[in-house]
Amino acid sequence: MDKPVRQETMLRKPILMPPSMIDKVDKIANDRKVSFAEVVREAVNAFNGDLSLQDETLLEALADTMIKTTQDVVKKIDAVEKKLDETHAMLEAQ
């Protein structure tokens, strides 16, 4: 079984975060009166990398929607390009 975090040897690990995320973690830490690192540790401990069946289903539906939307956009772009080519040809003919 894993040791509780407080009983393990702590190691320093610099991390890069966007300023907005740093502000968010700082606010959480200040509100809860804990350190920035404690908020990060709690977030990591709370993270569950396993996707549930419902999550997988939602991700598949999202992927299908994105594929369909992208295909629709490509068709519309093709139609606009065709009209532009026709207009360009018409203007050159004048």
C-alpha atoms as a PDB file:
ATOM      1  CA  MET A   1       0.000   0.000   0.000  1.00  0.00           C
ATOM      2  CA  ASP A   2       1.222   3.556  -0.685  1.00  0.00           C
ATOM      3  CA  LYS A   3       2.672   5.580   2.156  1.00  0.00           C
ATOM      4  CA  PRO A   4       0.743   8.731   3.080  1.00  0.00           C
ATOM      5  CA  VAL A   5       2.294  11.745   1.375  1.00  0.00           C
ATOM      6  CA  ARG A   6       3.495  13.256   4.668  1.00  0.00           C
ATOM      7  CA  GLN A   7       5.566  10.121   5.490  1.00  0.00           C
ATOM      8  CA  GLU A   8       7.359  10.060   2.150  1.00  0.00           C
ATOM      9  CA  THR A   9      10.539  11.981   1.431  1.00  0.00           C
ATOM     10  CA  MET A  10       9.640  15.158  -0.428  1.00  0.00           C
ATOM     11  CA  LEU A  11      11.478  16.043  -3.633  1.00  0.00           C
ATOM     12  CA  ARG A  12      11.490  19.432  -5.335  1.00  0.00           C
ATOM     13  CA  LYS A  13      10.116  19.495  -8.879  1.00  0.00           C
ATOM     14  CA  PRO A  14       9.782  22.793 -10.752  1.00  0.00           C
ATOM     15  CA  ILE A  15       6.646  22.948 -12.876  1.00  0.00           C
ATOM     16  CA  LEU A  16       5.486  25.356 -15.545  1.00  0.00           C
ATOM     17  CA  MET A  17       1.938  26.706 -15.407  1.00  0.00           C
ATOM     18  CA  PRO A  18       0.180  29.555 -17.141  1.00  0.00           C
ATOM     19  CA  PRO A  19      -0.282  32.621 -14.899  1.00  0.00           C
ATOM     20  CA  SER A  20      -4.055  32.104 -14.757  1.00  0.00           C
ATOM     21  CA  MET A  21      -3.576  28.596 -13.365  1.00  0.00           C
ATOM     22  CA  ILE A  22      -1.021  29.849 -10.822  1.00  0.00           C
ATOM     23  CA  ASP A  23      -3.515  32.513  -9.715  1.00  0.00           C
ATOM     24  CA  LYS A  24      -6.207  29.864  -9.370  1.00  0.00           C
ATOM     25  CA  VAL A  25      -3.994  27.565  -7.265  1.00  0.00           C
ATOM     26  CA  ASP A  26      -2.850  30.532  -5.132  1.00  0.00           C
ATOM     27  CA  LYS A  27      -6.474  31.468  -4.455  1.00  0.00           C
ATOM     28  CA  ILE A  28      -7.376  27.904  -3.505  1.00  0.00           C
ATOM     29  CA  ALA A  29      -4.326  27.690  -1.228  1.00  0.00           C
ATOM     30  CA  ASN A  30      -5.104  31.031   0.430  1.00  0.00           C
ATOM     31  CA  ASP A  31      -8.781  30.179   0.901  1.00  0.00           C
ATOM     32  CA  ARG A  32      -7.917  26.813   2.448  1.00  0.00           C
ATOM     33  CA  LYS A  33      -4.893  28.167   4.352  1.00  0.00           C
ATOM     34  CA  VAL A  34      -2.544  25.539   2.897  1.00  0.00           C
ATOM     35  CA  SER A  35       0.528  25.764   0.684  1.00  0.00           C
ATOM     36  CA  PHE A  36       0.558  25.919  -3.085  1.00  0.00           C
ATOM     37  CA  ALA A  37       2.313  22.536  -3.093  1.00  0.00           C
ATOM     38  CA  GLU A  38      -0.386  21.000  -0.896  1.00  0.00           C
ATOM     39  CA  VAL A  39      -3.070  22.031  -3.396  1.00  0.00           C
ATOM     40  CA  VAL A  40      -1.060  20.466  -6.223  1.00  0.00           C
ATOM     41  CA  ARG A  41      -0.487  17.255  -4.214  1.00  0.00           C
ATOM     42  CA  GLU A  42      -4.198  16.987  -3.407  1.00  0.00           C
ATOM     43  CA  ALA A  43      -5.099  17.536  -7.059  1.00  0.00           C
ATOM     44  CA  VAL A  44      -2.696  14.805  -8.158  1.00  0.00           C
ATOM     45  CA  ASN A  45      -4.060  12.411  -5.527  1.00  0.00           C
ATOM     46  CA  ALA A  46      -7.628  13.176  -6.621  1.00  0.00           C
ATOM     47  CA  PHE A  47      -6.827  12.560 -10.291  1.00  0.00           C
ATOM     48  CA  ASN A  48      -8.113   9.269 -11.621  1.00  0.00           C
ATOM     49  CA  GLY A  49      -6.612   8.465 -15.011  1.00  0.00           C
ATOM     50  CA  ASP A  50      -9.032   5.611 -15.670  1.00  0.00           C
ATOM     51  CA  LEU A  51     -11.895   6.558 -17.937  1.00  0.00           C
ATOM     52  CA  SER A  52     -15.302   5.252 -17.080  1.00  0.00           C
ATOM     53  CA  LEU A  53     -17.476   3.652 -19.748  1.00  0.00           C
ATOM     54  CA  GLN A  54     -19.616   6.796 -19.710  1.00  0.00           C
ATOM     55  CA  ASP A  55     -16.525   8.997 -20.223  1.00  0.00           C
ATOM     56  CA  GLU A  56     -15.364   6.816 -23.117  1.00  0.00           C
ATOM     57  CA  THR A  57     -18.829   6.978 -24.698  1.00  0.00           C
ATOM     58  CA  LEU A  58     -18.892  10.764 -24.351  1.00  0.00           C
ATOM     59  CA  LEU A  59     -15.385  11.075 -25.831  1.00  0.00           C
ATOM     60  CA  GLU A  60     -16.352   8.870 -28.786  1.00  0.00           C
ATOM     61  CA  ALA A  61     -19.480  10.964 -29.373  1.00  0.00           C
ATOM     62  CA  LEU A  62     -17.394  14.139 -29.184  1.00  0.00           C
ATOM     63  CA  ALA A  63     -14.861  12.724 -31.645  1.00  0.00           C
ATOM     64  CA  ASP A  64     -17.652  11.690 -34.041  1.00  0.00           C
ATOM     65  CA  THR A  65     -19.181  15.169 -33.813  1.00  0.00           C
ATOM     66  CA  MET A  66     -15.817  16.829 -34.449  1.00  0.00           C
ATOM     67  CA  ILE A  67     -15.179  14.604 -37.471  1.00  0.00           C
ATOM     68  CA  LYS A  68     -18.639  15.343 -38.920  1.00  0.00           C
ATOM     69  CA  THR A  69     -18.271  19.075 -38.271  1.00  0.00           C
ATOM     70  CA  THR A  70     -14.826  19.120 -39.885  1.00  0.00           C
ATOM     71  CA  GLN A  71     -16.157  17.284 -42.936  1.00  0.00           C
ATOM     72  CA  ASP A  72     -19.011  19.818 -43.217  1.00  0.00           C
ATOM     73  CA  VAL A  73     -16.577  22.730 -42.949  1.00  0.00           C
ATOM     74  CA  VAL A  74     -14.343  21.228 -45.648  1.00  0.00           C
ATOM     75  CA  LYS A  75     -17.366  20.886 -47.972  1.00  0.00           C
ATOM     76  CA  LYS A  76     -18.326  24.514 -47.355  1.00  0.00           C
ATOM     77  CA  ILE A  77     -14.763  25.702 -47.971  1.00  0.00           C
ATOM     78  CA  ASP A  78     -14.691  23.704 -51.217  1.00  0.00           C
ATOM     79  CA  ALA A  79     -17.956  25.363 -52.301  1.00  0.00           C
ATOM     80  CA  VAL A  80     -16.587  28.833 -51.504  1.00  0.00           C
ATOM     81  CA  GLU A  81     -13.374  28.081 -53.414  1.00  0.00           C
ATOM     82  CA  LYS A  82     -15.412  26.915 -56.406  1.00  0.00           C
ATOM     83  CA  LYS A  83     -17.450  30.152 -56.371  1.00  0.00           C
ATOM     84  CA  LEU A  84     -14.263  32.204 -56.062  1.00  0.00           C
ATOM     85  CA  ASP A  85     -12.733  30.351 -59.027  1.00  0.00           C
ATOM     86  CA  GLU A  86     -15.899  30.955 -61.074  1.00  0.00           C
ATOM     87  CA  THR A  87     -15.942  34.644 -60.130  1.00  0.00           C
ATOM     88  CA  HIS A  88     -12.246  35.000 -60.909  1.00  0.00           C
ATOM     89  CA  ALA A  89     -12.726  33.343 -64.311  1.00  0.00           C
ATOM     90  CA  MET A  90     -15.707  35.588 -65.057  1.00  0.00           C
ATOM     91  CA  LEU A  91     -13.751  38.715 -64.157  1.00  0.00           C
ATOM     92  CA  GLU A  92     -10.795  37.653 -66.284  1.00  0.00           C
ATOM     93  CA  ALA A  93     -13.106  37.082 -69.244  1.00  0.00           C
ATOM     94  CA  GLN A  94     -14.326  40.696 -69.144  1.00  0.00           C
END
